[in-house]
Amino acid sequence: MSGELQPSLEAELTFLATEDGGRSTPVKSGYRPQFYYAGNDWDAAHTYDVDRVYPGDTVLATLTFFQPQNHVDQLYSGMPFAIREGARTVANGHILNVLDPTLDRDA
């Protein structure tokens, strides 16, 4: 068994425009902001369906948690969340599909 992490979920993200407090530069796959829900920030790596994501864009993403065991039975399709850099929200999203069945509270 390899120690490689498996993708945790698929989501739709809408990045805030710069003038709305969002980033001023684009991001790309490998971006590692915090996934924020239920009052907690969690580290997750992002993989996008496009080369670059600009402020104001809506994008499909695959997120991979670095500590998936902290999310067992807590996630569900349709669940809203925020993407943050520190205390600043840079995107809002919702889960489209929980890929790891151990994380899905509805499984």
C-alpha atoms as a PDB file:
ATOM      1  CA  MET A   1       0.000   0.000   0.000  1.00  0.00           C
ATOM      2  CA  SER A   2       1.403   3.392  -0.938  1.00  0.00           C
ATOM      3  CA  GLY A   3       1.105   6.416   1.327  1.00  0.00           C
ATOM      4  CA  GLU A   4      -0.225   8.520  -1.536  1.00  0.00           C
ATOM      5  CA  LEU A   5      -3.315  10.548  -0.723  1.00  0.00           C
ATOM      6  CA  GLN A   6      -6.448   9.983  -2.780  1.00  0.00           C
ATOM      7  CA  PRO A   7      -8.737  12.788  -4.001  1.00  0.00           C
ATOM      8  CA  SER A   8     -11.352  13.581  -1.361  1.00  0.00           C
ATOM      9  CA  LEU A   9     -14.071  15.460  -3.232  1.00  0.00           C
ATOM     10  CA  GLU A  10     -15.162  17.291  -6.366  1.00  0.00           C
ATOM     11  CA  ALA A  11     -16.475  20.815  -5.971  1.00  0.00           C
ATOM     12  CA  GLU A  12     -17.546  23.939  -7.787  1.00  0.00           C
ATOM     13  CA  LEU A  13     -15.664  27.041  -6.617  1.00  0.00           C
ATOM     14  CA  THR A  14     -16.393  30.684  -7.324  1.00  0.00           C
ATOM     15  CA  PHE A  15     -13.417  32.918  -6.640  1.00  0.00           C
ATOM     16  CA  LEU A  16     -14.182  36.402  -5.366  1.00  0.00           C
ATOM     17  CA  ALA A  17     -13.301  39.285  -7.666  1.00  0.00           C
ATOM     18  CA  THR A  18     -10.341  41.369  -6.525  1.00  0.00           C
ATOM     19  CA  GLU A  19     -12.614  44.349  -5.810  1.00  0.00           C
ATOM     20  CA  ASP A  20     -14.735  42.096  -3.554  1.00  0.00           C
ATOM     21  CA  GLY A  21     -11.755  41.128  -1.398  1.00  0.00           C
ATOM     22  CA  GLY A  22     -10.528  38.220  -3.507  1.00  0.00           C
ATOM     23  CA  ARG A  23      -7.062  37.509  -4.782  1.00  0.00           C
ATOM     24  CA  SER A  24      -5.319  39.866  -7.184  1.00  0.00           C
ATOM     25  CA  THR A  25      -3.506  37.076  -9.053  1.00  0.00           C
ATOM     26  CA  PRO A  26      -4.639  33.765 -10.593  1.00  0.00           C
ATOM     27  CA  VAL A  27      -4.092  30.316  -9.089  1.00  0.00           C
ATOM     28  CA  LYS A  28      -3.413  26.963 -10.730  1.00  0.00           C
ATOM     29  CA  SER A  29      -3.524  23.292  -9.806  1.00  0.00           C
ATOM     30  CA  GLY A  30      -1.406  22.623  -6.750  1.00  0.00           C
ATOM     31  CA  TYR A  31      -2.800  25.676  -4.897  1.00  0.00           C
ATOM     32  CA  ARG A  32      -3.081  24.801  -1.184  1.00  0.00           C
ATOM     33  CA  PRO A  33      -5.414  27.199   0.641  1.00  0.00           C
ATOM     34  CA  GLN A  34      -7.621  26.251   3.583  1.00  0.00           C
ATOM     35  CA  PHE A  35     -10.949  24.473   3.149  1.00  0.00           C
ATOM     36  CA  TYR A  36     -13.225  26.107   5.750  1.00  0.00           C
ATOM     37  CA  TYR A  37     -16.372  24.550   7.205  1.00  0.00           C
ATOM     38  CA  ALA A  38     -17.941  24.058  10.654  1.00  0.00           C
ATOM     39  CA  GLY A  39     -15.683  26.715  12.153  1.00  0.00           C
ATOM     40  CA  ASN A  40     -12.409  25.045  11.155  1.00  0.00           C
ATOM     41  CA  ASP A  41      -9.750  25.471   8.477  1.00  0.00           C
ATOM     42  CA  TRP A  42      -8.289  22.351   6.839  1.00  0.00           C
ATOM     43  CA  ASP A  43      -5.427  22.015   4.376  1.00  0.00           C
ATOM     44  CA  ALA A  44      -6.346  20.700   0.943  1.00  0.00           C
ATOM     45  CA  ALA A  45      -4.549  20.603  -2.400  1.00  0.00           C
ATOM     46  CA  HIS A  46      -6.549  21.742  -5.420  1.00  0.00           C
ATOM     47  CA  THR A  47      -6.584  20.382  -8.965  1.00  0.00           C
ATOM     48  CA  TYR A  48      -8.548  22.445 -11.508  1.00  0.00           C
ATOM     49  CA  ASP A  49     -10.165  21.630 -14.831  1.00  0.00           C
ATOM     50  CA  VAL A  50      -8.410  24.647 -16.417  1.00  0.00           C
ATOM     51  CA  ASP A  51      -4.813  25.890 -16.550  1.00  0.00           C
ATOM     52  CA  ARG A  52      -5.350  29.077 -14.495  1.00  0.00           C
ATOM     53  CA  VAL A  53      -8.186  30.378 -12.336  1.00  0.00           C
ATOM     54  CA  TYR A  54      -8.592  34.153 -12.215  1.00  0.00           C
ATOM     55  CA  PRO A  55     -10.378  36.268  -9.593  1.00  0.00           C
ATOM     56  CA  GLY A  56     -14.105  36.182 -10.409  1.00  0.00           C
ATOM     57  CA  ASP A  57     -13.928  32.775 -12.157  1.00  0.00           C
ATOM     58  CA  THR A  58     -16.086  29.751 -11.374  1.00  0.00           C
ATOM     59  CA  VAL A  59     -14.256  26.458 -11.774  1.00  0.00           C
ATOM     60  CA  LEU A  60     -14.588  22.717 -11.177  1.00  0.00           C
ATOM     61  CA  ALA A  61     -12.002  21.386  -8.746  1.00  0.00           C
ATOM     62  CA  THR A  62     -10.838  18.178  -7.137  1.00  0.00           C
ATOM     63  CA  LEU A  63      -9.679  18.671  -3.548  1.00  0.00           C
ATOM     64  CA  THR A  64      -7.400  16.331  -1.651  1.00  0.00           C
ATOM     65  CA  PHE A  65      -7.231  16.609   2.143  1.00  0.00           C
ATOM     66  CA  PHE A  66      -3.854  16.079   3.787  1.00  0.00           C
ATOM     67  CA  GLN A  67      -5.562  14.611   6.876  1.00  0.00           C
ATOM     68  CA  PRO A  68      -8.691  12.913   5.509  1.00  0.00           C
ATOM     69  CA  GLN A  69      -9.267  11.073   8.798  1.00  0.00           C
ATOM     70  CA  ASN A  70     -10.413  14.403  10.287  1.00  0.00           C
ATOM     71  CA  HIS A  71     -13.398  14.511   7.914  1.00  0.00           C
ATOM     72  CA  VAL A  72     -14.903  11.027   8.304  1.00  0.00           C
ATOM     73  CA  ASP A  73     -18.717  11.132   8.018  1.00  0.00           C
ATOM     74  CA  GLN A  74     -18.768  14.962   7.870  1.00  0.00           C
ATOM     75  CA  LEU A  75     -19.083  15.849   4.167  1.00  0.00           C
ATOM     76  CA  TYR A  76     -22.031  15.589   1.783  1.00  0.00           C
ATOM     77  CA  SER A  77     -23.020  16.538  -1.750  1.00  0.00           C
ATOM     78  CA  GLY A  78     -24.331  20.104  -1.844  1.00  0.00           C
ATOM     79  CA  MET A  79     -22.456  21.137   1.301  1.00  0.00           C
ATOM     80  CA  PRO A  80     -21.308  24.784   1.169  1.00  0.00           C
ATOM     81  CA  PHE A  81     -17.811  25.818   2.291  1.00  0.00           C
ATOM     82  CA  ALA A  82     -15.310  28.648   1.920  1.00  0.00           C
ATOM     83  CA  ILE A  83     -11.765  28.714   0.588  1.00  0.00           C
ATOM     84  CA  ARG A  84      -9.542  30.895   2.739  1.00  0.00           C
ATOM     85  CA  GLU A  85      -6.036  32.280   2.881  1.00  0.00           C
ATOM     86  CA  GLY A  86      -5.586  32.841   6.576  1.00  0.00           C
ATOM     87  CA  ALA A  87      -8.754  34.561   7.806  1.00  0.00           C
ATOM     88  CA  ARG A  88      -9.572  36.001   4.350  1.00  0.00           C
ATOM     89  CA  THR A  89     -12.174  34.235   2.204  1.00  0.00           C
ATOM     90  CA  VAL A  90     -11.020  34.104  -1.429  1.00  0.00           C
ATOM     91  CA  ALA A  91     -13.664  31.719  -2.830  1.00  0.00           C
ATOM     92  CA  ASN A  92     -16.963  30.067  -1.971  1.00  0.00           C
ATOM     93  CA  GLY A  93     -17.913  26.603  -3.045  1.00  0.00           C
ATOM     94  CA  HIS A  94     -20.132  23.597  -2.683  1.00  0.00           C
ATOM     95  CA  ILE A  95     -19.392  19.894  -2.867  1.00  0.00           C
ATOM     96  CA  LEU A  96     -20.562  18.163  -6.038  1.00  0.00           C
ATOM     97  CA  ASN A  97     -19.389  14.651  -5.160  1.00  0.00           C
ATOM     98  CA  VAL A  98     -17.620  13.083  -2.169  1.00  0.00           C
ATOM     99  CA  LEU A  99     -15.019  10.790  -3.766  1.00  0.00           C
ATOM    100  CA  ASP A 100     -13.816   9.091  -0.585  1.00  0.00           C
ATOM    101  CA  PRO A 101     -16.780   7.110   0.792  1.00  0.00           C
ATOM    102  CA  THR A 102     -15.387   7.193   4.358  1.00  0.00           C
ATOM    103  CA  LEU A 103     -15.882  10.973   4.383  1.00  0.00           C
ATOM    104  CA  ASP A 104     -19.491  10.939   3.117  1.00  0.00           C
ATOM    105  CA  ARG A 105     -21.985  11.321   5.952  1.00  0.00           C
ATOM    106  CA  ASP A 106     -24.786  10.136   3.632  1.00  0.00           C
ATOM    107  CA  ALA A 107     -23.029   6.951   2.447  1.00  0.00           C
END
